[in-house]
N, C-alpha and C. Protein backbone atom coordinates (compact mmCIF):
# COMPACT_ATOMS: atom_id res chain seq x y z
N MET A 1 -14.38 28.17 13.97
CA MET A 1 -14.63 28.64 12.30
C MET A 1 -13.00 29.95 11.78
N ILE A 2 -12.72 30.04 10.96
CA ILE A 2 -12.10 30.84 10.40
C ILE A 2 -12.34 31.74 9.71
N PRO A 3 -12.24 33.64 10.09
CA PRO A 3 -12.83 34.09 10.12
C PRO A 3 -12.86 34.55 8.33
N GLY A 4 -13.82 34.73 7.93
CA GLY A 4 -13.87 35.07 6.26
C GLY A 4 -14.73 33.87 5.69
N VAL A 5 -14.46 32.69 6.16
CA VAL A 5 -14.21 31.29 5.34
C VAL A 5 -16.00 31.06 5.96
N THR A 6 -16.90 30.68 4.98
CA THR A 6 -18.04 30.04 5.36
C THR A 6 -17.98 28.94 5.36
N SER A 7 -19.25 28.41 5.90
CA SER A 7 -19.22 26.82 5.84
C SER A 7 -19.12 26.16 4.54
N SER A 8 -20.15 26.59 3.66
CA SER A 8 -20.26 26.15 2.50
C SER A 8 -18.71 26.07 1.67
N SER A 9 -18.05 27.26 1.95
CA SER A 9 -16.72 27.19 1.19
C SER A 9 -15.87 26.38 1.79
N ALA A 10 -15.80 25.96 2.90
CA ALA A 10 -14.82 24.65 3.91
C ALA A 10 -15.58 23.17 3.22
N GLU A 11 -16.52 23.42 3.13
CA GLU A 11 -16.66 22.18 3.12
C GLU A 11 -16.32 21.69 1.03
N SER A 12 -16.79 22.67 0.40
CA SER A 12 -16.42 22.84 -0.68
C SER A 12 -14.83 22.44 -0.62
N GLN A 13 -13.91 22.72 0.20
CA GLN A 13 -12.35 22.61 -0.26
C GLN A 13 -12.69 21.55 0.27
N ARG A 14 -12.96 20.84 1.59
CA ARG A 14 -12.88 19.35 1.73
C ARG A 14 -13.33 18.28 0.77
N LEU A 15 -13.72 18.75 -0.15
CA LEU A 15 -14.43 17.85 -0.59
C LEU A 15 -13.63 17.98 -1.82
N ARG A 16 -13.14 19.22 -2.29
CA ARG A 16 -12.27 18.99 -3.77
C ARG A 16 -10.84 18.00 -2.80
N ASP A 17 -10.57 18.61 -1.42
CA ASP A 17 -9.41 17.71 -0.75
C ASP A 17 -9.55 16.47 -1.05
N LEU A 18 -10.56 16.07 -0.49
CA LEU A 18 -10.84 14.62 -1.19
C LEU A 18 -10.73 13.80 -2.76
N ALA A 19 -11.50 14.63 -3.75
CA ALA A 19 -11.17 14.23 -4.90
C ALA A 19 -9.65 13.58 -4.92
N ARG A 20 -8.83 14.87 -4.91
CA ARG A 20 -6.98 15.14 -5.43
C ARG A 20 -6.88 14.20 -4.67
N LEU A 21 -7.55 13.69 -3.46
CA LEU A 21 -6.70 12.60 -2.24
C LEU A 21 -6.74 11.26 -2.71
N ARG A 22 -8.51 10.68 -3.52
CA ARG A 22 -8.85 9.36 -4.09
C ARG A 22 -7.93 9.46 -5.16
N ARG A 23 -7.67 10.46 -6.10
CA ARG A 23 -6.49 10.30 -7.24
C ARG A 23 -5.48 10.26 -6.65
N VAL A 24 -5.02 10.51 -5.53
CA VAL A 24 -3.62 10.07 -5.31
C VAL A 24 -3.97 8.80 -4.74
N ARG A 25 -4.23 8.08 -4.38
CA ARG A 25 -4.61 6.70 -3.67
C ARG A 25 -4.68 5.65 -5.37
N ASP A 26 -5.68 6.19 -6.25
CA ASP A 26 -5.64 5.99 -7.64
C ASP A 26 -4.22 5.68 -8.33
N ARG A 27 -3.49 6.73 -7.96
CA ARG A 27 -1.89 6.56 -8.39
C ARG A 27 -1.50 5.49 -8.17
N ILE A 28 -1.49 5.46 -6.57
CA ILE A 28 -0.59 4.36 -6.17
C ILE A 28 -0.72 3.04 -6.77
N ASP A 29 -2.32 2.81 -6.99
CA ASP A 29 -2.94 1.44 -7.17
C ASP A 29 -2.23 1.22 -8.67
N ARG A 30 -2.23 1.77 -9.61
CA ARG A 30 -1.88 1.83 -10.66
C ARG A 30 -0.60 1.84 -10.82
N GLU A 31 0.67 2.37 -10.35
CA GLU A 31 1.99 2.92 -10.49
C GLU A 31 2.95 1.96 -9.12
N TYR A 32 2.01 1.60 -8.34
CA TYR A 32 2.82 0.87 -7.40
C TYR A 32 4.31 0.56 -7.68
N ALA A 33 4.70 -0.34 -8.98
CA ALA A 33 5.80 -0.18 -8.97
C ALA A 33 6.97 0.79 -9.73
N GLN A 34 6.21 1.94 -9.65
CA GLN A 34 6.91 2.76 -10.07
C GLN A 34 7.75 3.66 -8.90
N PRO A 35 8.98 4.15 -9.38
CA PRO A 35 9.69 5.00 -7.81
C PRO A 35 8.50 6.06 -7.36
N LEU A 36 8.04 6.05 -6.40
CA LEU A 36 7.22 6.79 -6.38
C LEU A 36 7.82 7.14 -4.45
N ASP A 37 7.26 8.41 -4.28
CA ASP A 37 7.42 8.97 -2.83
C ASP A 37 6.63 10.15 -2.47
N VAL A 38 6.33 10.52 -1.41
CA VAL A 38 4.82 11.17 -0.78
C VAL A 38 5.67 12.45 -1.55
N GLU A 39 6.45 12.92 -1.71
CA GLU A 39 6.54 14.51 -2.61
C GLU A 39 6.49 14.44 -3.82
N ALA A 40 6.56 13.21 -4.90
CA ALA A 40 6.41 13.16 -6.05
C ALA A 40 4.67 13.14 -5.81
N LEU A 41 4.28 12.63 -5.55
CA LEU A 41 2.59 12.76 -4.82
C LEU A 41 1.85 13.29 -4.88
N ALA A 42 2.67 14.56 -3.95
CA ALA A 42 2.09 15.81 -3.11
C ALA A 42 2.19 16.84 -4.26
N ARG A 43 2.82 16.46 -5.07
CA ARG A 43 3.55 17.74 -6.36
C ARG A 43 1.79 17.33 -6.72
N GLY A 44 1.96 15.87 -7.89
CA GLY A 44 1.15 16.07 -8.39
C GLY A 44 -0.64 16.26 -8.37
N ALA A 45 -0.37 16.32 -6.79
CA ALA A 45 -1.95 16.67 -6.20
C ALA A 45 -1.76 18.14 -5.71
N ASN A 46 -0.69 18.57 -6.28
CA ASN A 46 -1.20 20.59 -5.87
C ASN A 46 -1.04 20.26 -4.22
N MET A 47 -0.54 19.77 -3.64
CA MET A 47 -0.24 19.94 -2.26
C MET A 47 1.26 19.86 -1.40
N SER A 48 1.47 20.30 -0.38
CA SER A 48 2.72 19.79 0.11
C SER A 48 2.46 18.72 0.94
N ALA A 49 3.91 18.12 0.97
CA ALA A 49 3.91 16.51 1.35
C ALA A 49 3.13 16.49 2.70
N GLY A 50 3.58 17.17 3.65
CA GLY A 50 3.17 17.32 4.67
C GLY A 50 1.40 17.28 5.23
N HIS A 51 1.20 17.93 4.01
CA HIS A 51 -0.70 18.42 3.70
C HIS A 51 -1.06 17.29 3.53
N LEU A 52 -0.44 16.07 2.83
CA LEU A 52 -1.10 14.98 1.88
C LEU A 52 -0.73 14.52 2.89
N SER A 53 0.42 14.17 3.57
CA SER A 53 0.15 12.73 4.37
C SER A 53 -0.82 13.42 5.67
N ARG A 54 -1.09 14.06 5.88
CA ARG A 54 -1.83 14.43 7.26
C ARG A 54 -3.35 13.78 6.66
N GLN A 55 -3.64 14.85 5.63
CA GLN A 55 -4.99 14.43 4.98
C GLN A 55 -5.47 12.85 4.33
N PHE A 56 -4.45 12.59 4.02
CA PHE A 56 -4.01 11.05 3.21
C PHE A 56 -4.33 9.90 4.91
N ARG A 57 -3.81 10.61 5.87
CA ARG A 57 -4.16 9.57 7.25
C ARG A 57 -5.47 9.47 8.00
N LEU A 58 -5.74 10.92 7.70
CA LEU A 58 -7.39 11.00 7.88
C LEU A 58 -8.18 10.19 6.97
N ALA A 59 -8.05 10.57 6.26
CA ALA A 59 -8.95 10.03 4.96
C ALA A 59 -9.05 8.49 4.73
N TYR A 60 -8.29 7.96 4.92
CA TYR A 60 -7.82 6.37 4.43
C TYR A 60 -7.21 5.73 5.83
N GLY A 61 -6.74 6.24 6.60
CA GLY A 61 -6.54 5.28 8.30
C GLY A 61 -4.50 5.11 7.88
N GLU A 62 -3.99 5.57 6.83
CA GLU A 62 -2.75 5.06 7.16
C GLU A 62 -1.85 6.58 6.34
N SER A 63 -0.75 6.44 6.11
CA SER A 63 0.38 7.09 5.65
C SER A 63 0.06 6.62 3.90
N PRO A 64 0.18 7.69 3.21
CA PRO A 64 0.49 7.30 1.98
C PRO A 64 1.40 6.25 1.45
N TYR A 65 2.49 6.27 1.98
CA TYR A 65 3.67 5.39 2.47
C TYR A 65 3.21 4.18 2.37
N SER A 66 2.49 3.93 3.73
CA SER A 66 1.98 2.56 4.05
C SER A 66 1.14 2.16 3.22
N TYR A 67 0.81 3.01 2.79
CA TYR A 67 -0.26 2.39 1.84
C TYR A 67 0.32 1.97 0.43
N LEU A 68 1.69 2.72 -0.07
CA LEU A 68 1.66 2.52 -1.21
C LEU A 68 2.73 0.91 -1.21
N MET A 69 3.28 0.97 -0.14
CA MET A 69 3.85 -0.57 0.51
C MET A 69 2.76 -1.80 0.20
N THR A 70 1.55 -1.47 1.10
CA THR A 70 0.39 -2.32 1.17
C THR A 70 0.17 -3.10 -0.11
N ARG A 71 0.10 -2.02 -0.86
CA ARG A 71 -0.23 -2.25 -2.40
C ARG A 71 1.05 -3.17 -2.91
N ARG A 72 2.31 -2.75 -2.62
CA ARG A 72 3.52 -3.55 -3.00
C ARG A 72 3.85 -4.88 -2.52
N ILE A 73 3.28 -4.95 -0.96
CA ILE A 73 3.49 -6.16 -0.85
C ILE A 73 2.09 -7.36 -0.90
N GLU A 74 1.03 -6.79 -1.76
CA GLU A 74 -0.05 -7.61 -2.19
C GLU A 74 0.14 -8.15 -3.29
N ARG A 75 0.35 -7.36 -4.90
CA ARG A 75 1.42 -7.67 -5.79
C ARG A 75 2.29 -9.02 -5.14
N ALA A 76 3.49 -8.51 -4.70
CA ALA A 76 4.42 -8.99 -4.24
C ALA A 76 3.30 -10.73 -3.95
N MET A 77 2.93 -10.36 -3.36
CA MET A 77 2.41 -12.70 -2.64
C MET A 77 1.52 -12.61 -3.65
N ALA A 78 1.45 -12.43 -5.02
CA ALA A 78 0.80 -13.04 -5.68
C ALA A 78 1.77 -13.28 -7.22
N LEU A 79 3.00 -12.70 -7.03
CA LEU A 79 3.67 -13.18 -7.90
C LEU A 79 4.82 -14.50 -6.79
N LEU A 80 5.14 -14.51 -5.75
CA LEU A 80 5.19 -15.74 -5.00
C LEU A 80 4.44 -16.73 -5.10
N ARG A 81 3.19 -16.37 -4.88
CA ARG A 81 1.93 -17.62 -4.95
C ARG A 81 2.53 -18.57 -6.32
N ARG A 82 2.87 -17.74 -7.53
CA ARG A 82 3.02 -18.27 -8.76
C ARG A 82 4.61 -19.10 -8.79
N GLY A 83 5.23 -18.59 -7.93
CA GLY A 83 6.35 -19.69 -7.64
C GLY A 83 7.58 -19.57 -8.74
N ASP A 84 7.54 -18.77 -9.91
CA ASP A 84 8.63 -18.75 -11.11
C ASP A 84 9.12 -17.45 -11.08
N LEU A 85 9.07 -16.70 -9.54
CA LEU A 85 10.08 -15.87 -9.45
C LEU A 85 11.36 -15.58 -8.21
N SER A 86 12.39 -15.47 -7.86
CA SER A 86 13.01 -15.42 -6.43
C SER A 86 12.06 -14.21 -5.90
N VAL A 87 12.76 -14.32 -4.58
CA VAL A 87 12.10 -13.34 -3.84
C VAL A 87 13.09 -11.74 -4.19
N THR A 88 14.04 -11.84 -4.84
CA THR A 88 15.05 -10.78 -4.92
C THR A 88 14.33 -10.16 -6.47
N GLU A 89 14.03 -11.27 -7.55
CA GLU A 89 13.09 -10.47 -8.07
C GLU A 89 11.81 -10.18 -8.30
N VAL A 90 11.20 -10.86 -7.11
CA VAL A 90 9.56 -10.02 -6.39
C VAL A 90 10.00 -8.64 -6.40
N CYS A 91 10.81 -8.94 -5.17
CA CYS A 91 11.16 -7.63 -4.60
C CYS A 91 11.38 -6.43 -6.25
N PHE A 92 12.44 -6.32 -7.29
CA PHE A 92 12.22 -5.20 -7.81
C PHE A 92 10.85 -4.53 -8.54
N ALA A 93 10.15 -6.18 -9.06
CA ALA A 93 8.92 -6.47 -9.63
C ALA A 93 7.99 -5.53 -9.74
N VAL A 94 8.09 -5.52 -8.20
CA VAL A 94 6.91 -4.39 -7.40
C VAL A 94 7.52 -2.93 -6.99
N GLY A 95 8.62 -2.41 -7.51
CA GLY A 95 8.93 -1.82 -7.09
C GLY A 95 9.92 -1.01 -5.94
N CYS A 96 9.97 -1.98 -5.34
CA CYS A 96 11.25 -1.77 -3.82
C CYS A 96 12.76 -1.76 -4.69
N ALA A 97 13.24 -0.99 -3.71
CA ALA A 97 14.45 -0.85 -4.30
C ALA A 97 15.27 -1.41 -3.30
N SER A 98 15.36 -1.85 -2.33
CA SER A 98 15.99 -2.61 -1.12
C SER A 98 15.32 -3.61 -0.86
N LEU A 99 15.92 -4.90 -0.55
CA LEU A 99 15.19 -6.16 -0.74
C LEU A 99 15.99 -6.25 1.15
N GLY A 100 16.27 -5.52 1.77
CA GLY A 100 15.67 -5.23 3.10
C GLY A 100 14.57 -4.79 3.40
N THR A 101 14.88 -3.24 2.92
CA THR A 101 13.39 -3.09 3.43
C THR A 101 11.88 -3.96 2.68
N PHE A 102 12.20 -4.53 1.56
CA PHE A 102 10.79 -5.02 1.38
C PHE A 102 10.75 -6.19 1.82
N SER A 103 11.92 -7.22 2.62
CA SER A 103 11.60 -8.07 3.57
C SER A 103 11.39 -7.35 5.12
N THR A 104 11.61 -6.64 5.32
CA THR A 104 11.16 -6.03 6.51
C THR A 104 9.40 -5.62 6.35
N ARG A 105 9.24 -5.06 5.75
CA ARG A 105 7.70 -4.31 5.23
C ARG A 105 7.27 -5.73 5.35
N PHE A 106 7.39 -6.73 4.19
CA PHE A 106 6.57 -7.59 4.06
C PHE A 106 6.20 -8.87 5.21
N THR A 107 7.56 -9.13 5.98
CA THR A 107 7.19 -9.62 7.39
C THR A 107 6.34 -8.97 8.39
N GLU A 108 6.56 -7.75 8.44
CA GLU A 108 5.45 -6.69 9.51
C GLU A 108 4.32 -7.39 9.00
N LEU A 109 3.43 -7.09 7.75
CA LEU A 109 2.42 -7.53 6.91
C LEU A 109 1.74 -8.66 6.58
N VAL A 110 2.99 -9.56 6.31
CA VAL A 110 2.12 -10.72 6.21
C VAL A 110 2.27 -11.58 7.32
N GLY A 111 3.71 -11.61 8.60
CA GLY A 111 3.60 -12.31 9.53
C GLY A 111 4.97 -13.26 9.07
N MET A 112 5.73 -13.25 7.95
CA MET A 112 7.00 -14.32 8.05
C MET A 112 7.07 -13.57 6.60
N PRO A 113 8.83 -14.12 6.21
CA PRO A 113 9.58 -13.78 5.71
C PRO A 113 9.03 -14.11 4.38
N PRO A 114 9.39 -13.36 3.29
CA PRO A 114 8.98 -13.66 2.00
C PRO A 114 9.14 -14.96 0.97
N SER A 115 10.77 -15.50 1.95
CA SER A 115 10.79 -16.99 1.16
C SER A 115 9.89 -17.79 1.98
N THR A 116 9.14 -17.47 3.36
CA THR A 116 8.97 -18.85 3.88
C THR A 116 7.09 -18.35 3.02
N TYR A 117 7.25 -17.34 3.11
CA TYR A 117 5.59 -17.23 2.71
C TYR A 117 5.56 -17.61 0.92
N ARG A 118 6.63 -17.57 0.19
CA ARG A 118 6.68 -18.54 -0.83
C ARG A 118 6.67 -20.13 -0.44
N GLN A 119 7.45 -20.52 0.17
CA GLN A 119 7.11 -22.31 0.00
C GLN A 119 6.13 -22.49 0.95
N ARG A 120 5.39 -22.05 1.87
CA ARG A 120 3.87 -22.13 2.16
C ARG A 120 2.68 -21.64 1.50
N ALA A 121 3.20 -20.99 0.50
CA ALA A 121 1.95 -20.53 -0.62
C ALA A 121 1.24 -21.52 -1.34
N ALA A 122 2.94 -21.62 -1.82
CA ALA A 122 2.95 -22.81 -3.04
C ALA A 122 1.87 -23.62 -2.44
N ARG A 123 2.13 -23.98 -1.32
CA ARG A 123 1.31 -25.34 -1.18
C ARG A 123 -0.39 -25.39 -0.30
N SER A 124 -0.74 -24.06 -0.10
CA SER A 124 -2.10 -23.67 0.67
C SER A 124 -3.03 -23.34 -0.44
N THR A 125 -2.81 -22.59 -1.76
CA THR A 125 -3.16 -22.39 -2.38
C THR A 125 -3.72 -23.34 -3.88
N VAL A 126 -3.56 -24.67 -3.45
CA VAL A 126 -3.89 -25.03 -5.01
C VAL A 126 -4.88 -25.45 -5.39
N GLY A 127 -5.51 -25.42 -6.38
CA GLY A 127 -6.47 -25.57 -6.53
C GLY A 127 -8.02 -24.30 -6.37
N LEU A 128 -7.48 -23.45 -5.63
CA LEU A 128 -7.95 -22.43 -5.30
C LEU A 128 -8.25 -21.68 -6.47
N PRO A 129 -9.14 -20.94 -6.88
CA PRO A 129 -9.48 -19.84 -8.51
C PRO A 129 -8.95 -18.37 -7.88
N ALA A 130 -7.82 -18.06 -8.43
CA ALA A 130 -7.24 -17.20 -8.29
C ALA A 130 -8.13 -15.73 -7.11
N CYS A 131 -8.96 -15.66 -7.81
CA CYS A 131 -10.16 -14.42 -6.87
C CYS A 131 -10.53 -15.03 -5.37
N VAL A 132 -10.64 -15.90 -4.90
CA VAL A 132 -10.85 -16.44 -3.84
C VAL A 132 -9.09 -17.13 -3.07
N SER A 133 -8.10 -17.42 -3.93
CA SER A 133 -6.63 -17.39 -3.25
C SER A 133 -6.37 -15.59 -3.16
N LYS A 134 -6.38 -14.49 -3.87
CA LYS A 134 -6.30 -13.26 -3.16
C LYS A 134 -6.50 -12.98 -2.40
N GLN A 135 -7.92 -13.02 -2.11
CA GLN A 135 -9.03 -12.60 -0.91
C GLN A 135 -8.44 -13.04 0.11
N ALA A 136 -7.99 -14.61 0.08
CA ALA A 136 -7.77 -15.40 1.45
C ALA A 136 -6.22 -14.97 1.74
N THR A 137 -5.19 -14.69 0.84
CA THR A 137 -4.48 -14.22 1.37
C THR A 137 -3.97 -12.67 1.16
N ARG A 138 -4.64 -11.58 1.40
CA ARG A 138 -4.60 -10.17 1.37
C ARG A 138 -3.87 -9.85 2.85
N PRO A 139 -3.00 -9.34 2.49
CA PRO A 139 -2.24 -8.68 4.14
C PRO A 139 -3.15 -8.05 4.75
N VAL A 140 -2.76 -8.36 5.85
CA VAL A 140 -3.73 -7.24 7.00
C VAL A 140 -2.34 -6.06 7.42
N ARG A 141 -2.66 -5.32 7.90
CA ARG A 141 -1.13 -4.67 8.44
C ARG A 141 -1.34 -5.16 9.99
N MET A 142 -0.32 -5.81 10.66
CA MET A 142 -0.30 -5.83 12.01
C MET A 142 0.23 -4.48 12.52
N ARG A 143 -0.67 -4.63 13.56
CA ARG A 143 -0.39 -3.26 15.14
C ARG A 143 0.73 -4.00 15.65
N PRO A 144 1.37 -3.07 16.33
CA PRO A 144 2.17 -3.14 17.28
C PRO A 144 1.52 -3.73 18.52
N GLY A 145 1.86 -4.89 18.84
CA GLY A 145 0.94 -5.74 20.18
C GLY A 145 0.49 -6.82 19.61
N GLN A 146 -0.22 -7.27 18.54
CA GLN A 146 -0.92 -8.17 17.76
C GLN A 146 -0.68 -8.77 17.28
N PRO A 147 -1.08 -9.89 18.00
CA PRO A 147 -0.75 -11.60 17.30
C PRO A 147 -1.03 -11.68 16.06
N PRO A 148 -0.06 -12.47 15.29
CA PRO A 148 0.16 -12.92 13.52
C PRO A 148 -1.64 -13.69 13.97
N GLY A 149 -1.90 -13.52 12.10
CA GLY A 149 -2.81 -14.36 11.91
C GLY A 149 -4.48 -13.96 12.79
């Protein structure tokens, strides 16, 4: 316990931090295609970048950057399933500035490059309702040493 800090004020602060973290997560969900970085997200939450990163990871199990990239890859998967955009167009549509970084993160999350996903997804989701297709194809972050699938 920190001297001069009561447990009720510490709990109050924890709840305020959780509310700010929820707003950051909501902002990422809404603005994933915009240029976002941890510093900008932290400024918007009146936190330092380091504090935001630590607290976000404690609350949600991943860093704000990882969460942002997961949202972007999720949206990219939907756009690639549609089939009317190139991988490069999808990359920029979801807010990624580098095709190389996009492809690397996509492969880490999905287990295959975006071009391969685009080819396979077009065949595998034919006839499925969009809500089922979205759930069935949701990306799951692969951990080191974890087999794909």
